[in-house]
Amino acid sequence: MKKTNLLLSTAVTSLIALGASGMANNVSADEMEKCYGVAKAGGNDCQTANSACAGTSTEDGQADAWVFVPAGTCEKLVGGSLEAG
């Protein structure tokens, strides 16, 4: 269980770093994609099937919660999917 938490934590940290570097490089919205299943609890970018707004996911790695990441990144992340689970 601890290894899974470490992997998820590493993936989310990578997302934050990639997002910050992407913003610094003026990545356009067309170069971003929704990535499901990698957001930390309360760290989703928009609504899920069970919540109405950003920051309301209830668990780490929630399958229907998503965050924007640079295009081509999502499927490289542990647990990342381009479709809601």
N, C-alpha and C. Protein backbone atom coordinates (compact mmCIF):
# COMPACT_ATOMS: atom_id res chain seq x y z
N MET A 1 0.82 -1.20 0.00
CA MET A 1 0.00 0.00 0.00
C MET A 1 0.86 1.26 0.00
N LYS A 2 1.95 1.26 0.76
CA LYS A 2 2.81 2.43 0.83
C LYS A 2 3.47 2.70 -0.52
N LYS A 3 3.80 1.65 -1.27
CA LYS A 3 4.42 1.82 -2.58
C LYS A 3 3.44 2.50 -3.53
N THR A 4 2.15 2.12 -3.46
CA THR A 4 1.12 2.74 -4.29
C THR A 4 0.98 4.22 -3.95
N ASN A 5 0.96 4.53 -2.68
CA ASN A 5 0.86 5.93 -2.25
C ASN A 5 2.06 6.73 -2.73
N LEU A 6 3.25 6.13 -2.67
CA LEU A 6 4.46 6.82 -3.13
C LEU A 6 4.38 7.07 -4.63
N LEU A 7 3.93 6.08 -5.39
CA LEU A 7 3.80 6.24 -6.84
C LEU A 7 2.79 7.32 -7.19
N LEU A 8 1.65 7.33 -6.52
CA LEU A 8 0.63 8.33 -6.77
C LEU A 8 1.13 9.72 -6.38
N SER A 9 1.80 9.81 -5.27
CA SER A 9 2.35 11.08 -4.82
C SER A 9 3.39 11.59 -5.82
N THR A 10 4.22 10.70 -6.31
CA THR A 10 5.23 11.08 -7.31
C THR A 10 4.57 11.55 -8.59
N ALA A 11 3.52 10.85 -9.01
CA ALA A 11 2.81 11.24 -10.23
C ALA A 11 2.19 12.62 -10.10
N VAL A 12 1.58 12.90 -8.97
CA VAL A 12 0.95 14.20 -8.76
C VAL A 12 2.00 15.29 -8.69
N THR A 13 3.10 15.02 -8.03
CA THR A 13 4.19 16.00 -7.96
C THR A 13 4.71 16.30 -9.36
N SER A 14 4.82 15.27 -10.18
CA SER A 14 5.26 15.45 -11.57
C SER A 14 4.26 16.30 -12.34
N LEU A 15 2.99 16.05 -12.10
CA LEU A 15 1.95 16.84 -12.76
C LEU A 15 2.08 18.32 -12.41
N ILE A 16 2.29 18.59 -11.16
CA ILE A 16 2.42 19.98 -10.73
C ILE A 16 3.64 20.62 -11.38
N ALA A 17 4.75 19.90 -11.39
CA ALA A 17 5.97 20.43 -12.00
C ALA A 17 5.78 20.64 -13.50
N LEU A 18 5.17 19.66 -14.16
CA LEU A 18 4.92 19.80 -15.60
C LEU A 18 3.96 20.94 -15.89
N GLY A 19 2.93 21.06 -15.07
CA GLY A 19 1.98 22.15 -15.26
C GLY A 19 2.63 23.51 -15.08
N ALA A 20 3.46 23.63 -14.08
CA ALA A 20 4.15 24.90 -13.84
C ALA A 20 5.10 25.22 -14.98
N SER A 21 5.83 24.23 -15.45
CA SER A 21 6.76 24.50 -16.55
C SER A 21 5.99 24.78 -17.84
N GLY A 22 4.84 24.12 -18.00
CA GLY A 22 4.02 24.38 -19.18
C GLY A 22 3.47 25.78 -19.19
N MET A 23 3.06 26.27 -18.05
CA MET A 23 2.54 27.62 -17.97
C MET A 23 3.65 28.64 -18.23
N ALA A 24 4.84 28.34 -17.76
CA ALA A 24 5.96 29.24 -17.99
C ALA A 24 6.29 29.34 -19.47
N ASN A 25 6.00 28.27 -20.21
CA ASN A 25 6.28 28.24 -21.64
C ASN A 25 5.05 28.63 -22.47
N ASN A 26 4.03 29.18 -21.82
CA ASN A 26 2.80 29.61 -22.48
C ASN A 26 2.15 28.50 -23.30
N VAL A 27 1.96 27.35 -22.68
CA VAL A 27 1.28 26.25 -23.34
C VAL A 27 -0.16 26.64 -23.54
N SER A 28 -0.66 26.52 -24.76
CA SER A 28 -2.04 26.89 -25.04
C SER A 28 -2.99 25.79 -24.60
N ALA A 29 -4.26 26.12 -24.48
CA ALA A 29 -5.27 25.15 -24.09
C ALA A 29 -5.35 24.01 -25.09
N ASP A 30 -5.03 24.27 -26.34
CA ASP A 30 -5.04 23.22 -27.36
C ASP A 30 -3.95 22.18 -27.12
N GLU A 31 -2.94 22.54 -26.35
CA GLU A 31 -1.83 21.63 -26.08
C GLU A 31 -1.98 20.93 -24.74
N MET A 32 -3.16 21.03 -24.14
CA MET A 32 -3.44 20.40 -22.85
C MET A 32 -4.48 19.30 -23.05
N GLU A 33 -4.52 18.35 -22.11
CA GLU A 33 -5.52 17.30 -22.14
C GLU A 33 -6.01 17.02 -20.72
N LYS A 34 -7.24 16.52 -20.64
CA LYS A 34 -7.78 16.11 -19.35
C LYS A 34 -7.18 14.75 -19.01
N CYS A 35 -6.70 14.63 -17.79
CA CYS A 35 -6.12 13.37 -17.33
C CYS A 35 -6.90 12.90 -16.10
N TYR A 36 -7.57 11.78 -16.24
CA TYR A 36 -8.39 11.21 -15.16
C TYR A 36 -7.57 10.25 -14.31
N GLY A 37 -7.93 10.18 -13.02
CA GLY A 37 -7.38 9.17 -12.13
C GLY A 37 -6.06 9.51 -11.47
N VAL A 38 -5.57 10.74 -11.60
CA VAL A 38 -4.28 11.08 -10.99
C VAL A 38 -4.37 12.23 -9.99
N ALA A 39 -5.51 12.87 -9.88
CA ALA A 39 -5.65 14.01 -8.97
C ALA A 39 -5.65 13.56 -7.51
N LYS A 40 -5.03 14.35 -6.67
CA LYS A 40 -5.10 14.11 -5.23
C LYS A 40 -6.49 14.56 -4.76
N ALA A 41 -6.94 14.04 -3.62
CA ALA A 41 -8.22 14.45 -3.06
C ALA A 41 -8.26 15.97 -2.94
N GLY A 42 -9.31 16.56 -3.48
CA GLY A 42 -9.45 18.01 -3.44
C GLY A 42 -8.61 18.74 -4.46
N GLY A 43 -7.95 18.02 -5.37
CA GLY A 43 -7.05 18.66 -6.32
C GLY A 43 -7.51 18.58 -7.77
N ASN A 44 -8.76 18.19 -7.99
CA ASN A 44 -9.26 18.09 -9.37
C ASN A 44 -9.52 19.48 -9.96
N ASP A 45 -9.47 19.56 -11.29
CA ASP A 45 -9.64 20.85 -11.96
C ASP A 45 -11.09 21.23 -12.21
N CYS A 46 -11.99 20.30 -12.29
CA CYS A 46 -13.39 20.65 -12.56
C CYS A 46 -14.30 19.56 -12.00
N GLN A 47 -15.58 19.63 -12.35
CA GLN A 47 -16.55 18.72 -11.75
C GLN A 47 -16.28 17.26 -12.08
N THR A 48 -16.81 16.39 -11.23
CA THR A 48 -16.76 14.95 -11.44
C THR A 48 -18.20 14.47 -11.51
N ALA A 49 -18.38 13.18 -11.66
CA ALA A 49 -19.73 12.63 -11.69
C ALA A 49 -20.44 12.83 -10.35
N ASN A 50 -19.67 13.02 -9.28
CA ASN A 50 -20.24 13.12 -7.94
C ASN A 50 -20.05 14.47 -7.26
N SER A 51 -19.45 15.42 -7.95
CA SER A 51 -19.25 16.74 -7.36
C SER A 51 -19.39 17.81 -8.43
N ALA A 52 -19.70 19.03 -8.01
CA ALA A 52 -20.07 20.07 -8.96
C ALA A 52 -18.97 21.04 -9.34
N CYS A 53 -17.82 21.00 -8.67
CA CYS A 53 -16.81 22.01 -9.02
C CYS A 53 -15.40 21.54 -8.70
N ALA A 54 -14.43 22.35 -9.08
CA ALA A 54 -13.03 22.04 -8.86
C ALA A 54 -12.71 21.92 -7.37
N GLY A 55 -11.74 21.08 -7.08
CA GLY A 55 -11.27 20.94 -5.71
C GLY A 55 -12.20 20.15 -4.80
N THR A 56 -13.10 19.36 -5.38
CA THR A 56 -14.06 18.64 -4.55
C THR A 56 -13.97 17.12 -4.65
N SER A 57 -12.94 16.60 -5.31
CA SER A 57 -12.80 15.14 -5.35
C SER A 57 -12.55 14.66 -3.92
N THR A 58 -13.01 13.46 -3.63
CA THR A 58 -12.98 12.99 -2.25
C THR A 58 -11.88 12.00 -1.94
N GLU A 59 -11.18 11.50 -2.96
CA GLU A 59 -10.10 10.54 -2.71
C GLU A 59 -8.98 10.71 -3.73
N ASP A 60 -7.79 10.33 -3.34
CA ASP A 60 -6.66 10.34 -4.26
C ASP A 60 -6.93 9.35 -5.40
N GLY A 61 -6.61 9.75 -6.62
CA GLY A 61 -6.75 8.85 -7.75
C GLY A 61 -8.19 8.54 -8.14
N GLN A 62 -9.13 9.37 -7.72
CA GLN A 62 -10.55 9.15 -8.04
C GLN A 62 -10.70 9.05 -9.56
N ALA A 63 -11.32 7.97 -10.03
CA ALA A 63 -11.37 7.65 -11.46
C ALA A 63 -12.10 8.68 -12.31
N ASP A 64 -13.04 9.43 -11.75
CA ASP A 64 -13.78 10.41 -12.55
C ASP A 64 -13.28 11.84 -12.34
N ALA A 65 -12.26 12.02 -11.53
CA ALA A 65 -11.68 13.35 -11.28
C ALA A 65 -10.51 13.56 -12.24
N TRP A 66 -10.40 14.80 -12.77
CA TRP A 66 -9.34 15.05 -13.75
C TRP A 66 -8.59 16.34 -13.47
N VAL A 67 -7.42 16.42 -14.06
CA VAL A 67 -6.60 17.63 -14.06
C VAL A 67 -6.08 17.84 -15.47
N PHE A 68 -5.82 19.09 -15.83
CA PHE A 68 -5.21 19.37 -17.13
C PHE A 68 -3.71 19.10 -17.04
N VAL A 69 -3.19 18.43 -18.05
CA VAL A 69 -1.74 18.19 -18.17
C VAL A 69 -1.35 18.47 -19.62
N PRO A 70 -0.07 18.70 -19.87
CA PRO A 70 0.36 18.89 -21.26
C PRO A 70 0.02 17.65 -22.09
N ALA A 71 -0.40 17.87 -23.33
CA ALA A 71 -0.78 16.77 -24.22
C ALA A 71 0.34 15.74 -24.32
N GLY A 72 -0.04 14.47 -24.26
CA GLY A 72 0.92 13.38 -24.35
C GLY A 72 1.47 12.93 -23.02
N THR A 73 1.09 13.60 -21.94
CA THR A 73 1.63 13.29 -20.62
C THR A 73 0.78 12.28 -19.86
N CYS A 74 -0.52 12.37 -19.97
CA CYS A 74 -1.43 11.61 -19.12
C CYS A 74 -1.16 10.12 -19.10
N GLU A 75 -1.09 9.51 -20.25
CA GLU A 75 -0.95 8.06 -20.29
C GLU A 75 0.43 7.57 -19.84
N LYS A 76 1.35 8.50 -19.60
CA LYS A 76 2.66 8.15 -19.06
C LYS A 76 2.64 8.11 -17.54
N LEU A 77 1.59 8.64 -16.92
CA LEU A 77 1.48 8.72 -15.48
C LEU A 77 0.81 7.46 -14.92
N VAL A 78 1.28 7.01 -13.79
CA VAL A 78 0.68 5.85 -13.13
C VAL A 78 -0.78 6.16 -12.82
N GLY A 79 -1.69 5.36 -13.32
CA GLY A 79 -3.11 5.56 -13.09
C GLY A 79 -3.77 6.55 -14.02
N GLY A 80 -3.01 7.20 -14.89
CA GLY A 80 -3.55 8.22 -15.80
C GLY A 80 -4.35 7.61 -16.95
N SER A 81 -5.47 8.25 -17.26
CA SER A 81 -6.34 7.81 -18.35
C SER A 81 -6.97 9.02 -19.03
N LEU A 82 -7.16 8.93 -20.32
CA LEU A 82 -7.81 10.01 -21.06
C LEU A 82 -9.32 9.91 -20.99
N GLU A 83 -9.83 8.87 -20.37
CA GLU A 83 -11.28 8.67 -20.20
C GLU A 83 -11.60 8.46 -18.73
N ALA A 84 -12.75 8.96 -18.31
CA ALA A 84 -13.20 8.78 -16.93
C ALA A 84 -13.41 7.30 -16.65
N GLY A 85 -13.01 6.88 -15.45
CA GLY A 85 -13.14 5.48 -15.08
C GLY A 85 -14.47 5.15 -14.49
